[in-house]
């Protein structure tokens, strides 16, 4: 069975999707005063279309919610994910 997790890498300002110890995707972020801009997400090209992008974004948004942050989804994928999952709409910055 495959073990997948999302971790926050403060030094690189990104969330990483780790599968069996290997980073297979990342979501960049930059924050200021409790608002986090998410400008880019990327999944290993060989792994695209397998739902890993959704796992990555969900894990990142769950962490940001726990931190009390608001989000500006400047990445089209993050914006599309939030549109498709209205339970994350409360994270959108005004």
PDB file of N, CA and C in Angstrom:
ATOM      1  N   UNK A   1       0.827  -1.178   0.000  1.00  0.00           N
ATOM      2  CA  UNK A   1       0.000   0.000   0.000  1.00  0.00           C
ATOM      3  C   UNK A   1       0.882   1.256   0.000  1.00  0.00           C
ATOM      4  N   UNK A   2       0.479   2.251  -0.761  1.00  0.00           N
ATOM      5  CA  UNK A   2       1.235   3.489  -0.903  1.00  0.00           C
ATOM      6  C   UNK A   2       0.901   4.446   0.239  1.00  0.00           C
ATOM      7  N   UNK A   3       1.933   5.039   0.833  1.00  0.00           N
ATOM      8  CA  UNK A   3       1.738   6.026   1.890  1.00  0.00           C
ATOM      9  C   UNK A   3       1.976   7.415   1.319  1.00  0.00           C
ATOM     10  N   UNK A   4       0.961   8.263   1.401  1.00  0.00           N
ATOM     11  CA  UNK A   4       1.033   9.618   0.862  1.00  0.00           C
ATOM     12  C   UNK A   4       0.773  10.615   1.980  1.00  0.00           C
ATOM     13  N   UNK A   5       1.578  11.685   2.012  1.00  0.00           N
ATOM     14  CA  UNK A   5       1.379  12.728   3.005  1.00  0.00           C
ATOM     15  C   UNK A   5       1.757  14.079   2.412  1.00  0.00           C
ATOM     16  N   UNK A   6       1.282  15.128   3.073  1.00  0.00           N
ATOM     17  CA  UNK A   6       1.620  16.491   2.677  1.00  0.00           C
ATOM     18  C   UNK A   6       2.386  17.117   3.828  1.00  0.00           C
ATOM     19  N   UNK A   7       3.526  17.721   3.500  1.00  0.00           N
ATOM     20  CA  UNK A   7       4.323  18.391   4.534  1.00  0.00           C
ATOM     21  C   UNK A   7       4.633  19.824   4.081  1.00  0.00           C
ATOM     22  N   UNK A   8       4.801  20.688   5.060  1.00  0.00           N
ATOM     23  CA  UNK A   8       5.107  22.092   4.799  1.00  0.00           C
ATOM     24  C   UNK A   8       6.611  22.276   4.905  1.00  0.00           C
ATOM     25  N   UNK A   9       7.219  22.820   3.861  1.00  0.00           N
ATOM     26  CA  UNK A   9       8.645  23.111   3.850  1.00  0.00           C
ATOM     27  C   UNK A   9       8.799  24.626   3.937  1.00  0.00           C
ATOM     28  N   UNK A  10       9.032  25.106   5.154  1.00  0.00           N
ATOM     29  CA  UNK A  10       9.141  26.556   5.392  1.00  0.00           C
ATOM     30  C   UNK A  10      10.298  27.174   4.613  1.00  0.00           C
ATOM     31  N   UNK A  11      11.412  26.479   4.563  1.00  0.00           N
ATOM     32  CA  UNK A  11      12.610  27.016   3.904  1.00  0.00           C
ATOM     33  C   UNK A  11      12.374  27.259   2.415  1.00  0.00           C
ATOM     34  N   UNK A  12      11.652  26.363   1.762  1.00  0.00           N
ATOM     35  CA  UNK A  12      11.386  26.496   0.325  1.00  0.00           C
ATOM     36  C   UNK A  12      10.050  27.184   0.032  1.00  0.00           C
ATOM     37  N   UNK A  13       9.312  27.519   1.085  1.00  0.00           N
ATOM     38  CA  UNK A  13       7.989  28.155   0.948  1.00  0.00           C
ATOM     39  C   UNK A  13       7.084  27.339   0.029  1.00  0.00           C
ATOM     40  N   UNK A  14       6.921  26.080   0.408  1.00  0.00           N
ATOM     41  CA  UNK A  14       6.046  25.217  -0.384  1.00  0.00           C
ATOM     42  C   UNK A  14       5.542  24.055   0.461  1.00  0.00           C
ATOM     43  N   UNK A  15       4.429  23.522  -0.001  1.00  0.00           N
ATOM     44  CA  UNK A  15       3.912  22.268   0.535  1.00  0.00           C
ATOM     45  C   UNK A  15       4.383  21.176  -0.401  1.00  0.00           C
ATOM     46  N   UNK A  16       4.786  20.053   0.149  1.00  0.00           N
ATOM     47  CA  UNK A  16       5.260  18.940  -0.664  1.00  0.00           C
ATOM     48  C   UNK A  16       4.355  17.731  -0.482  1.00  0.00           C
ATOM     49  N   UNK A  17       4.049  17.088  -1.579  1.00  0.00           N
ATOM     50  CA  UNK A  17       3.316  15.831  -1.552  1.00  0.00           C
ATOM     51  C   UNK A  17       4.353  14.721  -1.612  1.00  0.00           C
ATOM     52  N   UNK A  18       4.372  13.903  -0.573  1.00  0.00           N
ATOM     53  CA  UNK A  18       5.379  12.845  -0.452  1.00  0.00           C
ATOM     54  C   UNK A  18       4.678  11.494  -0.549  1.00  0.00           C
ATOM     55  N   UNK A  19       5.180  10.667  -1.445  1.00  0.00           N
ATOM     56  CA  UNK A  19       4.631   9.330  -1.625  1.00  0.00           C
ATOM     57  C   UNK A  19       5.754   8.324  -1.435  1.00  0.00           C
ATOM     58  N   UNK A  20       5.593   7.493  -0.426  1.00  0.00           N
ATOM     59  CA  UNK A  20       6.619   6.496  -0.094  1.00  0.00           C
ATOM     60  C   UNK A  20       8.011   7.117   0.014  1.00  0.00           C
ATOM     61  N   UNK A  21       8.080   8.285   0.659  1.00  0.00           N
ATOM     62  CA  UNK A  21       9.360   8.946   0.898  1.00  0.00           C
ATOM     63  C   UNK A  21       9.888   9.792  -0.241  1.00  0.00           C
ATOM     64  N   UNK A  22       9.179   9.859  -1.366  1.00  0.00           N
ATOM     65  CA  UNK A  22       9.632  10.614  -2.540  1.00  0.00           C
ATOM     66  C   UNK A  22       8.684  11.781  -2.789  1.00  0.00           C
ATOM     67  N   UNK A  23       9.243  12.984  -2.986  1.00  0.00           N
ATOM     68  CA  UNK A  23       8.428  14.153  -3.296  1.00  0.00           C
ATOM     69  C   UNK A  23       7.932  14.015  -4.740  1.00  0.00           C
ATOM     70  N   UNK A  24       6.601  13.979  -4.899  1.00  0.00           N
ATOM     71  CA  UNK A  24       6.008  13.814  -6.233  1.00  0.00           C
ATOM     72  C   UNK A  24       5.239  15.051  -6.679  1.00  0.00           C
ATOM     73  N   UNK A  25       5.206  16.073  -5.824  1.00  0.00           N
ATOM     74  CA  UNK A  25       4.544  17.314  -6.196  1.00  0.00           C
ATOM     75  C   UNK A  25       4.762  18.372  -5.144  1.00  0.00           C
ATOM     76  N   UNK A  26       4.496  19.623  -5.536  1.00  0.00           N
ATOM     77  CA  UNK A  26       4.616  20.715  -4.569  1.00  0.00           C
ATOM     78  C   UNK A  26       3.672  21.855  -4.930  1.00  0.00           C
ATOM     79  N   UNK A  27       3.338  22.629  -3.921  1.00  0.00           N
ATOM     80  CA  UNK A  27       2.499  23.817  -4.074  1.00  0.00           C
ATOM     81  C   UNK A  27       3.222  24.976  -3.402  1.00  0.00           C
ATOM     82  N   UNK A  28       3.602  25.969  -4.200  1.00  0.00           N
ATOM     83  CA  UNK A  28       4.318  27.126  -3.665  1.00  0.00           C
ATOM     84  C   UNK A  28       3.358  28.029  -2.906  1.00  0.00           C
ATOM     85  N   UNK A  29       3.904  28.735  -1.926  1.00  0.00           N
ATOM     86  CA  UNK A  29       3.103  29.719  -1.193  1.00  0.00           C
ATOM     87  C   UNK A  29       3.994  30.862  -0.736  1.00  0.00           C
ATOM     88  N   UNK A  30       3.360  31.989  -0.518  1.00  0.00           N
ATOM     89  CA  UNK A  30       4.027  33.103   0.139  1.00  0.00           C
ATOM     90  C   UNK A  30       2.968  33.804   0.989  1.00  0.00           C
ATOM     91  N   UNK A  31       3.355  34.170   2.177  1.00  0.00           N
ATOM     92  CA  UNK A  31       2.369  34.720   3.096  1.00  0.00           C
ATOM     93  C   UNK A  31       2.766  36.053   3.669  1.00  0.00           C
ATOM     94  N   UNK A  32       1.731  36.818   4.046  1.00  0.00           N
ATOM     95  CA  UNK A  32       1.934  38.098   4.687  1.00  0.00           C
ATOM     96  C   UNK A  32       0.694  38.430   5.503  1.00  0.00           C
ATOM     97  N   UNK A  33       0.880  38.662   6.791  1.00  0.00           N
ATOM     98  CA  UNK A  33      -0.216  39.068   7.684  1.00  0.00           C
ATOM     99  C   UNK A  33      -1.404  38.123   7.652  1.00  0.00           C
ATOM    100  N   UNK A  34      -1.152  36.834   7.674  1.00  0.00           N
ATOM    101  CA  UNK A  34      -2.233  35.852   7.728  1.00  0.00           C
ATOM    102  C   UNK A  34      -2.889  35.534   6.408  1.00  0.00           C
ATOM    103  N   UNK A  35      -2.426  36.170   5.307  1.00  0.00           N
ATOM    104  CA  UNK A  35      -2.954  35.865   3.975  1.00  0.00           C
ATOM    105  C   UNK A  35      -1.859  35.144   3.195  1.00  0.00           C
ATOM    106  N   UNK A  36      -2.231  34.006   2.611  1.00  0.00           N
ATOM    107  CA  UNK A  36      -1.268  33.192   1.879  1.00  0.00           C
ATOM    108  C   UNK A  36      -1.655  33.153   0.410  1.00  0.00           C
ATOM    109  N   UNK A  37      -0.722  33.548  -0.448  1.00  0.00           N
ATOM    110  CA  UNK A  37      -0.912  33.463  -1.890  1.00  0.00           C
ATOM    111  C   UNK A  37      -0.342  32.135  -2.350  1.00  0.00           C
ATOM    112  N   UNK A  38      -1.133  31.406  -3.120  1.00  0.00           N
ATOM    113  CA  UNK A  38      -0.679  30.125  -3.676  1.00  0.00           C
ATOM    114  C   UNK A  38      -0.576  30.290  -5.197  1.00  0.00           C
ATOM    115  N   UNK A  39       0.635  30.602  -5.706  1.00  0.00           N
ATOM    116  CA  UNK A  39       0.793  30.930  -7.119  1.00  0.00           C
ATOM    117  C   UNK A  39       1.034  29.752  -8.067  1.00  0.00           C
ATOM    118  N   UNK A  40       1.399  28.590  -7.527  1.00  0.00           N
ATOM    119  CA  UNK A  40       1.808  27.517  -8.440  1.00  0.00           C
ATOM    120  C   UNK A  40       1.729  26.155  -7.752  1.00  0.00           C
ATOM    121  N   UNK A  41       1.228  25.175  -8.474  1.00  0.00           N
ATOM    122  CA  UNK A  41       1.298  23.783  -8.027  1.00  0.00           C
ATOM    123  C   UNK A  41       1.881  22.956  -9.161  1.00  0.00           C
ATOM    124  N   UNK A  42       2.534  21.881  -8.782  1.00  0.00           N
ATOM    125  CA  UNK A  42       3.149  21.020  -9.798  1.00  0.00           C
ATOM    126  C   UNK A  42       3.191  19.585  -9.290  1.00  0.00           C
ATOM    127  N   UNK A  43       2.812  18.671 -10.178  1.00  0.00           N
ATOM    128  CA  UNK A  43       2.885  17.235  -9.905  1.00  0.00           C
ATOM    129  C   UNK A  43       3.835  16.632 -10.928  1.00  0.00           C
ATOM    130  N   UNK A  44       4.602  15.651 -10.507  1.00  0.00           N
ATOM    131  CA  UNK A  44       5.492  14.933 -11.425  1.00  0.00           C
ATOM    132  C   UNK A  44       4.697  14.573 -12.686  1.00  0.00           C
ATOM    133  N   UNK A  45       5.183  14.954 -13.858  1.00  0.00           N
ATOM    134  CA  UNK A  45       4.432  14.713 -15.100  1.00  0.00           C
ATOM    135  C   UNK A  45       3.999  13.262 -15.303  1.00  0.00           C
ATOM    136  N   UNK A  46       4.781  12.321 -14.827  1.00  0.00           N
ATOM    137  CA  UNK A  46       4.419  10.903 -14.982  1.00  0.00           C
ATOM    138  C   UNK A  46       3.273  10.499 -14.071  1.00  0.00           C
ATOM    139  N   UNK A  47       2.943  11.351 -13.087  1.00  0.00           N
ATOM    140  CA  UNK A  47       1.925  11.019 -12.097  1.00  0.00           C
ATOM    141  C   UNK A  47       0.652  11.858 -12.233  1.00  0.00           C
ATOM    142  N   UNK A  48       0.617  12.745 -13.220  1.00  0.00           N
ATOM    143  CA  UNK A  48      -0.552  13.602 -13.401  1.00  0.00           C
ATOM    144  C   UNK A  48      -1.772  12.783 -13.787  1.00  0.00           C
ATOM    145  N   UNK A  49      -2.934  13.292 -13.409  1.00  0.00           N
ATOM    146  CA  UNK A  49      -4.181  12.615 -13.732  1.00  0.00           C
ATOM    147  C   UNK A  49      -4.533  11.483 -12.792  1.00  0.00           C
ATOM    148  N   UNK A  50      -3.838  11.389 -11.663  1.00  0.00           N
ATOM    149  CA  UNK A  50      -4.080  10.297 -10.714  1.00  0.00           C
ATOM    150  C   UNK A  50      -4.683  10.788  -9.395  1.00  0.00           C
ATOM    151  N   UNK A  51      -5.045  12.065  -9.330  1.00  0.00           N
ATOM    152  CA  UNK A  51      -5.643  12.608  -8.120  1.00  0.00           C
ATOM    153  C   UNK A  51      -4.651  13.156  -7.111  1.00  0.00           C
ATOM    154  N   UNK A  52      -3.365  13.125  -7.443  1.00  0.00           N
ATOM    155  CA  UNK A  52      -2.364  13.601  -6.497  1.00  0.00           C
ATOM    156  C   UNK A  52      -2.434  15.113  -6.289  1.00  0.00           C
ATOM    157  N   UNK A  53      -2.790  15.858  -7.334  1.00  0.00           N
ATOM    158  CA  UNK A  53      -2.921  17.310  -7.199  1.00  0.00           C
ATOM    159  C   UNK A  53      -3.967  17.668  -6.166  1.00  0.00           C
ATOM    160  N   UNK A  54      -5.083  16.967  -6.191  1.00  0.00           N
ATOM    161  CA  UNK A  54      -6.153  17.217  -5.216  1.00  0.00           C
ATOM    162  C   UNK A  54      -5.684  16.893  -3.802  1.00  0.00           C
ATOM    163  N   UNK A  55      -4.947  15.817  -3.629  1.00  0.00           N
ATOM    164  CA  UNK A  55      -4.417  15.466  -2.301  1.00  0.00           C
ATOM    165  C   UNK A  55      -3.474  16.547  -1.794  1.00  0.00           C
ATOM    166  N   UNK A  56      -2.632  17.046  -2.687  1.00  0.00           N
ATOM    167  CA  UNK A  56      -1.678  18.089  -2.326  1.00  0.00           C
ATOM    168  C   UNK A  56      -2.401  19.361  -1.890  1.00  0.00           C
ATOM    169  N   UNK A  57      -3.328  19.818  -2.709  1.00  0.00           N
ATOM    170  CA  UNK A  57      -4.034  21.066  -2.404  1.00  0.00           C
ATOM    171  C   UNK A  57      -4.887  20.907  -1.144  1.00  0.00           C
ATOM    172  N   UNK A  58      -5.556  19.794  -1.009  1.00  0.00           N
ATOM    173  CA  UNK A  58      -6.376  19.571   0.185  1.00  0.00           C
ATOM    174  C   UNK A  58      -5.511  19.591   1.442  1.00  0.00           C
ATOM    175  N   UNK A  59      -4.382  18.916   1.400  1.00  0.00           N
ATOM    176  CA  UNK A  59      -3.486  18.905   2.555  1.00  0.00           C
ATOM    177  C   UNK A  59      -2.966  20.290   2.892  1.00  0.00           C
ATOM    178  N   UNK A  60      -2.613  21.061   1.865  1.00  0.00           N
ATOM    179  CA  UNK A  60      -2.128  22.428   2.081  1.00  0.00           C
ATOM    180  C   UNK A  60      -3.232  23.294   2.677  1.00  0.00           C
ATOM    181  N   UNK A  61      -4.441  23.218   2.117  1.00  0.00           N
ATOM    182  CA  UNK A  61      -5.552  24.021   2.622  1.00  0.00           C
ATOM    183  C   UNK A  61      -5.935  23.622   4.040  1.00  0.00           C
ATOM    184  N   UNK A  62      -5.893  22.347   4.347  1.00  0.00           N
ATOM    185  CA  UNK A  62      -6.193  21.894   5.707  1.00  0.00           C
ATOM    186  C   UNK A  62      -5.187  22.483   6.701  1.00  0.00           C
ATOM    187  N   UNK A  63      -3.916  22.504   6.308  1.00  0.00           N
ATOM    188  CA  UNK A  63      -2.898  23.079   7.170  1.00  0.00           C
ATOM    189  C   UNK A  63      -3.103  24.576   7.340  1.00  0.00           C
ATOM    190  N   UNK A  64      -3.414  25.260   6.256  1.00  0.00           N
ATOM    191  CA  UNK A  64      -3.631  26.702   6.325  1.00  0.00           C
ATOM    192  C   UNK A  64      -4.844  27.031   7.191  1.00  0.00           C
ATOM    193  N   UNK A  65      -5.879  26.230   7.097  1.00  0.00           N
ATOM    194  CA  UNK A  65      -7.059  26.428   7.958  1.00  0.00           C
ATOM    195  C   UNK A  65      -6.659  26.296   9.427  1.00  0.00           C
ATOM    196  N   UNK A  66      -5.889  25.274   9.730  1.00  0.00           N
ATOM    197  CA  UNK A  66      -5.460  25.042  11.114  1.00  0.00           C
ATOM    198  C   UNK A  66      -4.619  26.218  11.627  1.00  0.00           C
ATOM    199  N   UNK A  67      -3.877  26.856  10.746  1.00  0.00           N
ATOM    200  CA  UNK A  67      -3.038  27.999  11.117  1.00  0.00           C
ATOM    201  C   UNK A  67      -3.833  29.307  11.189  1.00  0.00           C
ATOM    202  N   UNK A  68      -5.095  29.276  10.744  1.00  0.00           N
ATOM    203  CA  UNK A  68      -5.926  30.477  10.759  1.00  0.00           C
ATOM    204  C   UNK A  68      -5.650  31.423   9.611  1.00  0.00           C
ATOM    205  N   UNK A  69      -5.073  30.909   8.527  1.00  0.00           N
ATOM    206  CA  UNK A  69      -4.727  31.738   7.370  1.00  0.00           C
ATOM    207  C   UNK A  69      -5.878  31.838   6.381  1.00  0.00           C
ATOM    208  N   UNK A  70      -5.869  32.919   5.619  1.00  0.00           N
ATOM    209  CA  UNK A  70      -6.760  33.087   4.475  1.00  0.00           C
ATOM    210  C   UNK A  70      -5.917  32.872   3.224  1.00  0.00           C
ATOM    211  N   UNK A  71      -6.577  32.546   2.103  1.00  0.00           N
ATOM    212  CA  UNK A  71      -5.865  32.133   0.895  1.00  0.00           C
ATOM    213  C   UNK A  71      -6.264  32.984  -0.307  1.00  0.00           C
ATOM    214  N   UNK A  72      -5.265  33.314  -1.113  1.00  0.00           N
ATOM    215  CA  UNK A  72      -5.484  33.900  -2.434  1.00  0.00           C
ATOM    216  C   UNK A  72      -5.010  32.835  -3.429  1.00  0.00           C
ATOM    217  N   UNK A  73      -5.939  32.168  -4.108  1.00  0.00           N
ATOM    218  CA  UNK A  73      -5.557  31.084  -5.026  1.00  0.00           C
ATOM    219  C   UNK A  73      -5.201  31.612  -6.418  1.00  0.00           C
ATOM    220  N   UNK A  74      -3.997  32.149  -6.569  1.00  0.00           N
ATOM    221  CA  UNK A  74      -3.605  32.664  -7.884  1.00  0.00           C
ATOM    222  C   UNK A  74      -3.223  31.546  -8.849  1.00  0.00           C
ATOM    223  N   UNK A  75      -3.028  30.344  -8.358  1.00  0.00           N
ATOM    224  CA  UNK A  75      -2.838  29.165  -9.213  1.00  0.00           C
ATOM    225  C   UNK A  75      -4.212  28.685  -9.672  1.00  0.00           C
ATOM    226  N   UNK A  76      -4.374  28.446 -10.950  1.00  0.00           N
ATOM    227  CA  UNK A  76      -5.679  28.025 -11.482  1.00  0.00           C
ATOM    228  C   UNK A  76      -6.150  26.724 -10.832  1.00  0.00           C
ATOM    229  N   UNK A  77      -5.249  25.819 -10.531  1.00  0.00           N
ATOM    230  CA  UNK A  77      -5.665  24.535  -9.973  1.00  0.00           C
ATOM    231  C   UNK A  77      -6.207  24.706  -8.559  1.00  0.00           C
ATOM    232  N   UNK A  78      -5.559  25.535  -7.760  1.00  0.00           N
ATOM    233  CA  UNK A  78      -6.035  25.777  -6.397  1.00  0.00           C
ATOM    234  C   UNK A  78      -7.405  26.450  -6.452  1.00  0.00           C
ATOM    235  N   UNK A  79      -7.560  27.430  -7.332  1.00  0.00           N
ATOM    236  CA  UNK A  79      -8.849  28.119  -7.480  1.00  0.00           C
ATOM    237  C   UNK A  79      -9.939  27.142  -7.908  1.00  0.00           C
ATOM    238  N   UNK A  80      -9.623  26.280  -8.857  1.00  0.00           N
ATOM    239  CA  UNK A  80     -10.584  25.286  -9.343  1.00  0.00           C
ATOM    240  C   UNK A  80     -10.939  24.281  -8.238  1.00  0.00           C
ATOM    241  N   UNK A  81      -9.957  23.894  -7.449  1.00  0.00           N
ATOM    242  CA  UNK A  81     -10.207  22.965  -6.344  1.00  0.00           C
ATOM    243  C   UNK A  81     -11.188  23.586  -5.345  1.00  0.00           C
ATOM    244  N   UNK A  82     -10.946  24.839  -4.977  1.00  0.00           N
ATOM    245  CA  UNK A  82     -11.829  25.507  -4.013  1.00  0.00           C
ATOM    246  C   UNK A  82     -13.227  25.668  -4.606  1.00  0.00           C
ATOM    247  N   UNK A  83     -13.330  26.018  -5.877  1.00  0.00           N
ATOM    248  CA  UNK A  83     -14.641  26.122  -6.530  1.00  0.00           C
ATOM    249  C   UNK A  83     -15.398  24.801  -6.470  1.00  0.00           C
ATOM    250  N   UNK A  84     -14.690  23.706  -6.627  1.00  0.00           N
ATOM    251  CA  UNK A  84     -15.309  22.389  -6.620  1.00  0.00           C
ATOM    252  C   UNK A  84     -15.548  21.810  -5.240  1.00  0.00           C
ATOM    253  N   UNK A  85     -14.995  22.448  -4.227  1.00  0.00           N
ATOM    254  CA  UNK A  85     -15.123  21.989  -2.834  1.00  0.00           C
ATOM    255  C   UNK A  85     -15.532  23.185  -1.972  1.00  0.00           C
ATOM    256  N   UNK A  86     -16.808  23.526  -1.977  1.00  0.00           N
ATOM    257  CA  UNK A  86     -17.275  24.729  -1.285  1.00  0.00           C
ATOM    258  C   UNK A  86     -16.968  24.766   0.213  1.00  0.00           C
ATOM    259  N   UNK A  87     -16.649  23.626   0.806  1.00  0.00           N
ATOM    260  CA  UNK A  87     -16.293  23.618   2.226  1.00  0.00           C
ATOM    261  C   UNK A  87     -14.949  24.303   2.486  1.00  0.00           C
ATOM    262  N   UNK A  88     -14.223  24.650   1.428  1.00  0.00           N
ATOM    263  CA  UNK A  88     -12.974  25.400   1.572  1.00  0.00           C
ATOM    264  C   UNK A  88     -13.145  26.874   1.220  1.00  0.00           C
ATOM    265  N   UNK A  89     -14.328  27.293   0.793  1.00  0.00           N
ATOM    266  CA  UNK A  89     -14.570  28.676   0.380  1.00  0.00           C
ATOM    267  C   UNK A  89     -14.325  29.670   1.515  1.00  0.00           C
ATOM    268  N   UNK A  90     -14.499  29.226   2.763  1.00  0.00           N
ATOM    269  CA  UNK A  90     -14.280  30.125   3.898  1.00  0.00           C
ATOM    270  C   UNK A  90     -12.818  30.547   4.045  1.00  0.00           C
ATOM    271  N   UNK A  91     -11.921  29.860   3.357  1.00  0.00           N
ATOM    272  CA  UNK A  91     -10.506  30.210   3.415  1.00  0.00           C
ATOM    273  C   UNK A  91     -10.136  31.355   2.483  1.00  0.00           C
ATOM    274  N   UNK A  92     -11.014  31.697   1.543  1.00  0.00           N
ATOM    275  CA  UNK A  92     -10.697  32.738   0.568  1.00  0.00           C
ATOM    276  C   UNK A  92     -10.567  34.106   1.235  1.00  0.00           C
ATOM    277  N   UNK A  93      -9.476  34.795   0.901  1.00  0.00           N
ATOM    278  CA  UNK A  93      -9.265  36.150   1.418  1.00  0.00           C
ATOM    279  C   UNK A  93     -10.229  37.096   0.711  1.00  0.00           C
ATOM    280  N   UNK A  94     -10.625  38.134   1.430  1.00  0.00           N
ATOM    281  CA  UNK A  94     -11.548  39.132   0.855  1.00  0.00           C
ATOM    282  C   UNK A  94     -10.896  39.935  -0.242  1.00  0.00           C
TER     283      UNK A  94
END
